[in-house]
Every structure is written in C-alpha cells, then in structure tokens.
Amino acid sequence: QVQLVESGGGLVQAGGSLALSCAASRSIVNINGMGWYRQAPGKQRELVAAITAGGSTNYAESVKGRFTISRDNAKNTLYLQMNSLKPEDTAVYYCNGRFGYNDPVYWGQGTQVTVSS
C-alpha cells in the first residue's frame, strides 16, 4: 500500500503557473505507473498526464506543451508543472499510482486548482 498526498493547488490568474506535488508514504521506485487526473464540477475525472517508472510520459491533448509531469524517486514525489494556465484548467487535481497492471490504484485526496479569467 501507499498513501499519496497532493499539495500546491491554489488560485491563479489565467496565464500563470502552479506546481503540484504528490508525496508518497513509501518508495515509489516500484510504482510503475503514476499520474495526475482532474475533475471539474459536473464533469467526469479525466487523465491529465501520466509517467512510467522508466520515465515515459503521455499527456491529454488539452495540456500538451503547457504541463510537465515528472517524478523524483529519491524524494518519493510526483510533480506536475502547470504553465499558461487557462480558466478551463480549473478542477480538483488528483495523483494516483499503481505498482503493476493487476494491482489496485491508489489515489490522493486531491488539491483544488482555480484559474481566474
């Protein structure tokens, strides 16, 4: 098992930047897949970005070129750098992780990101 705790959310003006962190309660070296999801009011939770243990990444089309996902195994932390933020990026952002394909997915409690126009 692993506990995940997000931080770094807040209120920012359009065009601004925020950096989210997701701290794990144990080593993330063996957590093969980690990612950031978001859920806006009245909408389904959607994938924002994901990263494998080997460093391969993929992004939602809506954030490509603006967001960067990274992981620091030494610090047991997942990051999401968000630049050029838009009001439509407003949502609760969640991190998740899964050790392997057949393992359960672990979620953090979420952090609110609000982008004002």
N, C-alpha and C. Protein backbone atom coordinates (compact mmCIF):
# COMPACT_ATOMS: atom_id res chain seq x y z
N GLN A 1 0.83 -1.20 0.00
CA GLN A 1 0.00 0.00 0.00
C GLN A 1 0.87 1.24 0.00
N VAL A 2 0.24 2.35 -0.40
CA VAL A 2 0.93 3.63 -0.39
C VAL A 2 -0.11 4.72 -0.18
N GLN A 3 0.25 5.71 0.60
CA GLN A 3 -0.60 6.89 0.76
C GLN A 3 -0.01 8.03 -0.07
N LEU A 4 -0.88 8.75 -0.74
CA LEU A 4 -0.46 9.84 -1.61
C LEU A 4 -1.10 11.13 -1.13
N VAL A 5 -0.30 12.17 -1.02
CA VAL A 5 -0.80 13.46 -0.54
C VAL A 5 -0.39 14.56 -1.51
N GLU A 6 -1.39 15.20 -2.11
CA GLU A 6 -1.13 16.28 -3.05
C GLU A 6 -0.99 17.62 -2.31
N SER A 7 -0.25 18.52 -2.93
CA SER A 7 -0.13 19.88 -2.42
C SER A 7 0.21 20.79 -3.59
N GLY A 8 0.08 22.10 -3.34
CA GLY A 8 0.48 23.07 -4.35
C GLY A 8 -0.65 23.73 -5.09
N GLY A 9 -1.88 23.29 -4.85
CA GLY A 9 -3.00 23.93 -5.52
C GLY A 9 -3.24 25.33 -5.00
N GLY A 10 -4.14 26.04 -5.68
CA GLY A 10 -4.45 27.40 -5.25
C GLY A 10 -5.18 28.17 -6.32
N LEU A 11 -5.22 29.48 -6.12
CA LEU A 11 -5.88 30.39 -7.06
C LEU A 11 -4.82 31.14 -7.85
N VAL A 12 -4.98 31.16 -9.16
CA VAL A 12 -4.01 31.84 -10.02
C VAL A 12 -4.75 32.49 -11.18
N GLN A 13 -4.20 33.56 -11.69
CA GLN A 13 -4.80 34.21 -12.85
C GLN A 13 -4.45 33.46 -14.12
N ALA A 14 -5.30 33.61 -15.11
CA ALA A 14 -5.04 33.00 -16.41
C ALA A 14 -3.67 33.44 -16.92
N GLY A 15 -2.94 32.49 -17.47
CA GLY A 15 -1.59 32.76 -17.94
C GLY A 15 -0.51 32.48 -16.90
N GLY A 16 -0.93 32.25 -15.68
CA GLY A 16 0.01 32.00 -14.59
C GLY A 16 0.44 30.54 -14.51
N SER A 17 1.20 30.25 -13.48
CA SER A 17 1.76 28.91 -13.30
C SER A 17 1.51 28.40 -11.88
N LEU A 18 1.43 27.09 -11.77
CA LEU A 18 1.38 26.41 -10.48
C LEU A 18 2.18 25.13 -10.59
N ALA A 19 2.73 24.72 -9.46
CA ALA A 19 3.45 23.45 -9.41
C ALA A 19 2.82 22.58 -8.35
N LEU A 20 2.31 21.44 -8.76
CA LEU A 20 1.70 20.48 -7.85
C LEU A 20 2.72 19.42 -7.46
N SER A 21 2.60 18.95 -6.23
CA SER A 21 3.42 17.85 -5.75
C SER A 21 2.53 16.76 -5.19
N CYS A 22 3.02 15.55 -5.26
CA CYS A 22 2.31 14.39 -4.70
C CYS A 22 3.34 13.57 -3.95
N ALA A 23 3.26 13.63 -2.63
CA ALA A 23 4.22 12.93 -1.79
C ALA A 23 3.70 11.55 -1.43
N ALA A 24 4.54 10.56 -1.60
CA ALA A 24 4.16 9.18 -1.29
C ALA A 24 4.71 8.78 0.07
N SER A 25 3.99 7.85 0.71
CA SER A 25 4.36 7.42 2.06
C SER A 25 5.48 6.38 2.05
N ARG A 26 5.87 5.93 0.88
CA ARG A 26 6.92 4.93 0.76
C ARG A 26 7.64 5.14 -0.56
N SER A 27 8.67 4.37 -0.79
CA SER A 27 9.41 4.49 -2.03
C SER A 27 8.51 4.29 -3.25
N ILE A 28 8.73 5.11 -4.26
CA ILE A 28 7.93 4.99 -5.48
C ILE A 28 8.70 4.30 -6.60
N VAL A 29 9.87 3.80 -6.27
CA VAL A 29 10.70 3.14 -7.31
C VAL A 29 9.92 2.02 -8.00
N ASN A 30 9.16 1.28 -7.20
CA ASN A 30 8.43 0.14 -7.75
C ASN A 30 7.01 0.47 -8.17
N ILE A 31 6.65 1.73 -8.12
CA ILE A 31 5.32 2.13 -8.61
C ILE A 31 5.47 2.41 -10.09
N ASN A 32 5.02 1.46 -10.89
CA ASN A 32 5.28 1.56 -12.32
C ASN A 32 4.57 2.74 -12.97
N GLY A 33 3.30 2.90 -12.66
CA GLY A 33 2.54 3.97 -13.30
C GLY A 33 2.07 4.98 -12.29
N MET A 34 2.33 6.25 -12.56
CA MET A 34 1.82 7.33 -11.74
C MET A 34 1.23 8.38 -12.65
N GLY A 35 0.25 9.10 -12.13
CA GLY A 35 -0.39 10.08 -13.00
C GLY A 35 -1.13 11.14 -12.24
N TRP A 36 -1.52 12.15 -12.99
CA TRP A 36 -2.37 13.22 -12.49
C TRP A 36 -3.68 13.20 -13.25
N TYR A 37 -4.76 13.30 -12.51
CA TYR A 37 -6.10 13.39 -13.06
C TYR A 37 -6.74 14.66 -12.53
N ARG A 38 -7.81 15.07 -13.17
CA ARG A 38 -8.55 16.23 -12.66
C ARG A 38 -10.04 16.02 -12.86
N GLN A 39 -10.79 16.68 -12.01
CA GLN A 39 -12.24 16.60 -12.10
C GLN A 39 -12.83 17.98 -11.85
N ALA A 40 -13.49 18.49 -12.86
CA ALA A 40 -14.18 19.77 -12.76
C ALA A 40 -15.62 19.52 -12.32
N PRO A 41 -16.26 20.52 -11.73
CA PRO A 41 -17.66 20.34 -11.29
C PRO A 41 -18.56 19.88 -12.42
N GLY A 42 -19.32 18.82 -12.17
CA GLY A 42 -20.25 18.32 -13.16
C GLY A 42 -19.63 17.52 -14.27
N LYS A 43 -18.32 17.27 -14.18
CA LYS A 43 -17.64 16.52 -15.23
C LYS A 43 -16.99 15.27 -14.67
N GLN A 44 -16.68 14.34 -15.56
CA GLN A 44 -16.00 13.13 -15.14
C GLN A 44 -14.51 13.39 -14.90
N ARG A 45 -13.93 12.57 -14.06
CA ARG A 45 -12.49 12.68 -13.83
C ARG A 45 -11.77 12.29 -15.12
N GLU A 46 -10.74 13.07 -15.47
CA GLU A 46 -10.03 12.81 -16.70
C GLU A 46 -8.53 12.80 -16.46
N LEU A 47 -7.84 12.04 -17.31
CA LEU A 47 -6.39 11.97 -17.24
C LEU A 47 -5.79 13.29 -17.71
N VAL A 48 -4.82 13.78 -16.96
CA VAL A 48 -4.07 14.97 -17.35
C VAL A 48 -2.71 14.56 -17.91
N ALA A 49 -1.99 13.74 -17.14
CA ALA A 49 -0.66 13.32 -17.55
C ALA A 49 -0.28 12.07 -16.78
N ALA A 50 0.56 11.25 -17.37
CA ALA A 50 0.99 10.03 -16.73
C ALA A 50 2.47 9.79 -17.02
N ILE A 51 3.11 9.05 -16.13
CA ILE A 51 4.53 8.75 -16.28
C ILE A 51 4.80 7.36 -15.75
N THR A 52 5.65 6.62 -16.46
CA THR A 52 6.01 5.29 -16.03
C THR A 52 7.28 5.33 -15.19
N ALA A 53 7.62 4.18 -14.63
CA ALA A 53 8.84 4.10 -13.84
C ALA A 53 10.06 4.39 -14.71
N GLY A 54 9.96 4.09 -15.98
CA GLY A 54 11.06 4.33 -16.91
C GLY A 54 11.12 5.75 -17.44
N GLY A 55 10.11 6.55 -17.07
CA GLY A 55 10.13 7.96 -17.47
C GLY A 55 9.32 8.28 -18.71
N SER A 56 8.66 7.31 -19.29
CA SER A 56 7.80 7.60 -20.44
C SER A 56 6.58 8.38 -19.98
N THR A 57 6.21 9.36 -20.77
CA THR A 57 5.10 10.23 -20.39
C THR A 57 4.04 10.29 -21.48
N ASN A 58 2.83 10.62 -21.07
CA ASN A 58 1.80 10.96 -22.03
C ASN A 58 0.89 12.01 -21.39
N TYR A 59 0.31 12.83 -22.27
CA TYR A 59 -0.45 13.98 -21.82
C TYR A 59 -1.80 14.05 -22.54
N ALA A 60 -2.77 14.62 -21.87
CA ALA A 60 -4.01 14.96 -22.55
C ALA A 60 -3.72 16.03 -23.58
N GLU A 61 -4.43 15.98 -24.69
CA GLU A 61 -4.21 16.95 -25.76
C GLU A 61 -4.36 18.38 -25.25
N SER A 62 -5.26 18.57 -24.33
CA SER A 62 -5.58 19.92 -23.87
C SER A 62 -4.45 20.56 -23.05
N VAL A 63 -3.49 19.75 -22.58
CA VAL A 63 -2.42 20.30 -21.75
C VAL A 63 -1.04 20.16 -22.38
N LYS A 64 -0.96 19.52 -23.51
CA LYS A 64 0.33 19.33 -24.17
C LYS A 64 1.00 20.67 -24.43
N GLY A 65 2.28 20.73 -24.11
CA GLY A 65 3.03 21.96 -24.31
C GLY A 65 2.90 22.95 -23.17
N ARG A 66 1.98 22.71 -22.25
CA ARG A 66 1.79 23.62 -21.11
C ARG A 66 2.14 22.95 -19.78
N PHE A 67 1.84 21.66 -19.66
CA PHE A 67 2.06 20.94 -18.41
C PHE A 67 3.23 19.96 -18.58
N THR A 68 3.94 19.73 -17.49
CA THR A 68 5.03 18.76 -17.49
C THR A 68 4.93 17.89 -16.25
N ILE A 69 4.90 16.59 -16.46
CA ILE A 69 4.88 15.64 -15.35
C ILE A 69 6.29 15.11 -15.14
N SER A 70 6.65 14.90 -13.88
CA SER A 70 7.96 14.34 -13.56
C SER A 70 7.86 13.62 -12.23
N ARG A 71 8.85 12.79 -11.97
CA ARG A 71 8.90 12.06 -10.71
C ARG A 71 10.31 12.06 -10.18
N ASP A 72 10.45 12.17 -8.88
CA ASP A 72 11.75 12.11 -8.22
C ASP A 72 11.71 10.92 -7.27
N ASN A 73 12.30 9.82 -7.71
CA ASN A 73 12.25 8.60 -6.90
C ASN A 73 12.99 8.77 -5.56
N ALA A 74 14.02 9.58 -5.55
CA ALA A 74 14.78 9.79 -4.32
C ALA A 74 13.96 10.52 -3.27
N LYS A 75 13.02 11.35 -3.74
CA LYS A 75 12.17 12.11 -2.81
C LYS A 75 10.78 11.52 -2.69
N ASN A 76 10.54 10.41 -3.36
CA ASN A 76 9.23 9.74 -3.32
C ASN A 76 8.10 10.71 -3.70
N THR A 77 8.34 11.49 -4.73
CA THR A 77 7.40 12.55 -5.07
C THR A 77 7.14 12.62 -6.57
N LEU A 78 5.89 12.86 -6.88
CA LEU A 78 5.45 13.09 -8.25
C LEU A 78 5.12 14.58 -8.38
N TYR A 79 5.42 15.15 -9.55
CA TYR A 79 5.21 16.57 -9.76
C TYR A 79 4.37 16.82 -11.01
N LEU A 80 3.72 17.99 -11.01
CA LEU A 80 3.06 18.47 -12.22
C LEU A 80 3.30 19.98 -12.30
N GLN A 81 4.10 20.38 -13.26
CA GLN A 81 4.34 21.80 -13.50
C GLN A 81 3.31 22.27 -14.51
N MET A 82 2.54 23.27 -14.13
CA MET A 82 1.47 23.77 -14.99
C MET A 82 1.74 25.22 -15.36
N ASN A 83 1.93 25.47 -16.64
CA ASN A 83 2.19 26.82 -17.14
C ASN A 83 1.06 27.27 -18.07
N SER A 84 1.01 28.55 -18.32
CA SER A 84 -0.01 29.12 -19.23
C SER A 84 -1.40 28.61 -18.87
N LEU A 85 -1.73 28.69 -17.62
CA LEU A 85 -3.00 28.15 -17.15
C LEU A 85 -4.19 28.90 -17.73
N LYS A 86 -5.25 28.15 -17.95
CA LYS A 86 -6.48 28.69 -18.52
C LYS A 86 -7.63 28.45 -17.54
N PRO A 87 -8.68 29.25 -17.63
CA PRO A 87 -9.83 29.01 -16.74
C PRO A 87 -10.37 27.58 -16.84
N GLU A 88 -10.30 27.00 -18.01
CA GLU A 88 -10.80 25.63 -18.18
C GLU A 88 -9.93 24.58 -17.50
N ASP A 89 -8.79 24.98 -16.96
CA ASP A 89 -7.96 24.07 -16.17
C ASP A 89 -8.45 23.98 -14.73
N THR A 90 -9.42 24.79 -14.37
CA THR A 90 -9.96 24.77 -13.01
C THR A 90 -10.57 23.42 -12.70
N ALA A 91 -10.13 22.81 -11.61
CA ALA A 91 -10.60 21.47 -11.23
C ALA A 91 -9.91 21.06 -9.93
N VAL A 92 -10.36 19.95 -9.39
CA VAL A 92 -9.62 19.29 -8.33
C VAL A 92 -8.66 18.32 -9.01
N TYR A 93 -7.40 18.42 -8.65
CA TYR A 93 -6.36 17.59 -9.25
C TYR A 93 -5.97 16.47 -8.28
N TYR A 94 -5.95 15.26 -8.81
CA TYR A 94 -5.63 14.08 -8.02
C TYR A 94 -4.39 13.39 -8.61
N CYS A 95 -3.56 12.86 -7.74
CA CYS A 95 -2.49 11.99 -8.22
C CYS A 95 -2.87 10.55 -7.92
N ASN A 96 -2.32 9.65 -8.72
CA ASN A 96 -2.55 8.24 -8.45
C ASN A 96 -1.32 7.44 -8.77
N GLY A 97 -1.34 6.20 -8.32
CA GLY A 97 -0.21 5.33 -8.58
C GLY A 97 -0.64 3.88 -8.53
N ARG A 98 0.04 3.08 -9.31
CA ARG A 98 -0.24 1.64 -9.32
C ARG A 98 1.08 0.90 -9.50
N PHE A 99 1.28 -0.11 -8.64
CA PHE A 99 2.55 -0.84 -8.69
C PHE A 99 2.66 -1.65 -9.98
N GLY A 100 1.60 -2.31 -10.34
CA GLY A 100 1.63 -3.14 -11.53
C GLY A 100 0.26 -3.21 -12.14
N TYR A 101 0.17 -3.82 -13.30
CA TYR A 101 -1.08 -3.83 -14.06
C TYR A 101 -2.23 -4.43 -13.28
N ASN A 102 -1.95 -5.46 -12.51
CA ASN A 102 -3.00 -6.17 -11.78
C ASN A 102 -3.17 -5.67 -10.34
N ASP A 103 -2.48 -4.60 -9.99
CA ASP A 103 -2.55 -4.06 -8.64
C ASP A 103 -3.60 -2.97 -8.54
N PRO A 104 -4.08 -2.72 -7.32
CA PRO A 104 -5.07 -1.64 -7.17
C PRO A 104 -4.44 -0.27 -7.44
N VAL A 105 -5.31 0.66 -7.76
CA VAL A 105 -4.86 2.03 -7.98
C VAL A 105 -5.06 2.81 -6.68
N TYR A 106 -4.03 3.52 -6.29
CA TYR A 106 -4.09 4.35 -5.09
C TYR A 106 -4.25 5.81 -5.49
N TRP A 107 -5.10 6.52 -4.74
CA TRP A 107 -5.41 7.92 -5.05
C TRP A 107 -5.09 8.82 -3.88
N GLY A 108 -4.71 10.05 -4.18
CA GLY A 108 -4.61 11.06 -3.16
C GLY A 108 -5.97 11.69 -2.92
N GLN A 109 -6.01 12.66 -2.01
CA GLN A 109 -7.28 13.27 -1.63
C GLN A 109 -7.65 14.44 -2.53
N GLY A 110 -6.71 14.91 -3.34
CA GLY A 110 -6.98 15.98 -4.29
C GLY A 110 -6.57 17.34 -3.78
N THR A 111 -6.27 18.23 -4.73
CA THR A 111 -5.95 19.61 -4.41
C THR A 111 -6.65 20.51 -5.43
N GLN A 112 -7.25 21.58 -4.95
CA GLN A 112 -8.05 22.45 -5.81
C GLN A 112 -7.15 23.42 -6.57
N VAL A 113 -7.38 23.50 -7.86
CA VAL A 113 -6.73 24.50 -8.71
C VAL A 113 -7.83 25.37 -9.32
N THR A 114 -7.73 26.66 -9.11
CA THR A 114 -8.71 27.59 -9.65
C THR A 114 -7.98 28.65 -10.47
N VAL A 115 -8.38 28.78 -11.73
CA VAL A 115 -7.77 29.75 -12.63
C VAL A 115 -8.80 30.81 -12.96
N SER A 116 -8.52 32.03 -12.59
CA SER A 116 -9.46 33.12 -12.85
C SER A 116 -9.14 33.80 -14.18
N SER A 117 -10.18 34.29 -14.81
CA SER A 117 -10.00 34.93 -16.12
C SER A 117 -9.73 36.42 -15.98
